[in-house]
Protein backbone atom coordinates (compact mmCIF):
# COMPACT_ATOMS: atom_id res chain seq x y z
CA MET A 1 0.00 0.00 0.00
CA SER A 2 1.41 3.41 -0.87
CA ASP A 3 2.25 5.87 1.89
CA SER A 4 -0.39 8.38 0.73
CA ILE A 5 -3.16 5.75 0.78
CA LEU A 6 -2.05 4.47 4.18
CA LYS A 7 -1.90 8.03 5.55
CA SER A 8 -5.37 8.83 4.17
CA THR A 9 -6.81 5.63 5.64
CA THR A 10 -5.27 6.37 9.03
CA GLN A 11 -6.55 9.96 8.99
CA ASN A 12 -10.07 8.86 8.08
CA ALA A 13 -10.07 6.18 10.76
CA ASP A 14 -9.03 8.87 13.25
CA LEU A 15 -12.17 10.84 12.31
CA ILE A 16 -14.25 8.39 14.33
CA SER A 17 -11.68 7.23 16.88
CA THR A 18 -13.66 8.49 19.90
CA PRO A 19 -17.40 8.62 20.64
CA GLU A 20 -17.26 12.43 20.49
CA LYS A 21 -15.58 12.42 17.08
CA LEU A 22 -17.99 9.78 15.79
CA ASP A 23 -20.94 11.88 16.97
CA ARG A 24 -19.61 15.04 15.34
CA VAL A 25 -18.74 13.41 12.01
CA ALA A 26 -22.07 11.54 11.87
CA LYS A 27 -23.93 14.79 12.52
CA LEU A 28 -22.02 16.63 9.78
CA ILE A 29 -22.61 13.83 7.28
CA ALA A 30 -26.31 13.63 8.16
CA GLU A 31 -26.62 17.38 7.59
CA GLY A 32 -24.86 17.08 4.23
CA GLU A 33 -21.90 19.18 5.32
CA PHE A 34 -19.25 16.46 5.15
CA PRO A 35 -18.81 13.55 2.71
CA PHE A 36 -18.77 9.96 3.89
CA PRO A 37 -15.04 9.22 4.30
CA ASN A 38 -13.22 6.56 2.30
CA GLY A 39 -10.67 4.22 3.78
CA LEU A 40 -12.60 3.07 6.81
CA SER A 41 -12.66 -0.58 7.79
CA PRO A 42 -15.94 -2.42 7.11
CA ASP A 43 -16.79 -2.31 10.83
CA GLN A 44 -16.12 1.44 10.95
CA GLN A 45 -18.24 1.97 7.84
CA VAL A 46 -21.18 0.12 9.41
CA LEU A 47 -20.78 2.00 12.69
CA LEU A 48 -20.64 5.40 10.98
CA ALA A 49 -23.48 4.59 8.58
CA THR A 50 -25.65 3.48 11.50
CA GLU A 51 -24.98 6.71 13.39
CA VAL A 52 -25.68 8.81 10.29
CA ARG A 53 -28.93 6.92 9.71
CA LYS A 54 -30.03 7.54 13.32
CA ARG A 55 -29.44 11.26 12.94
CA GLN A 56 -31.28 11.41 9.62
CA GLN A 57 -34.24 9.58 11.16
CA GLN A 58 -34.23 11.99 14.11
CA ARG A 59 -34.20 14.97 11.75
CA LEU A 60 -37.07 13.53 9.73
CA ILE A 61 -39.14 12.83 12.85
CA LYS A 62 -38.56 16.39 14.13
CA PHE A 63 -39.54 17.81 10.73
CA ILE A 64 -42.76 15.80 10.64
CA ALA A 65 -43.60 16.68 14.26
CA ARG A 66 -43.07 20.39 13.60
CA SER A 67 -45.21 20.23 10.46
CA VAL A 68 -48.06 18.52 12.32
CA ALA A 69 -47.78 20.94 15.25
CA ARG A 70 -47.81 23.94 12.90
CA GLU A 71 -50.89 22.63 11.09
CA LEU A 72 -52.72 21.99 14.38
CA TRP A 73 -51.80 25.43 15.67
CA GLN A 74 -53.12 27.06 12.51
CA LYS A 75 -56.39 25.13 12.81
CA ILE A 76 -56.76 26.19 16.44
CA LYS A 77 -56.10 29.83 15.53
CA ARG A 78 -58.67 29.71 12.72
CA HIS A 79 -61.23 28.07 15.00
CA ASN A 80 -60.78 30.74 17.68
CA GLU A 81 -61.18 33.66 15.27
């Protein structure tokens, strides 16, 4: 393996080397602000993908909940007018 590939792989693996780093990178990827890194081991890929998926699901649930709440609030306001 060339030195540049090995260095890149090591750097990308370091991106998720602690729970805090994993959380931050997963959040950035879920928000579309950071690409999914190459050079991770299969276990690291699964771990990161799982964390990204959780955050995307949480964002979707919050979006739906806010939409429903906004619609209910508008109906209540119209009813009280």
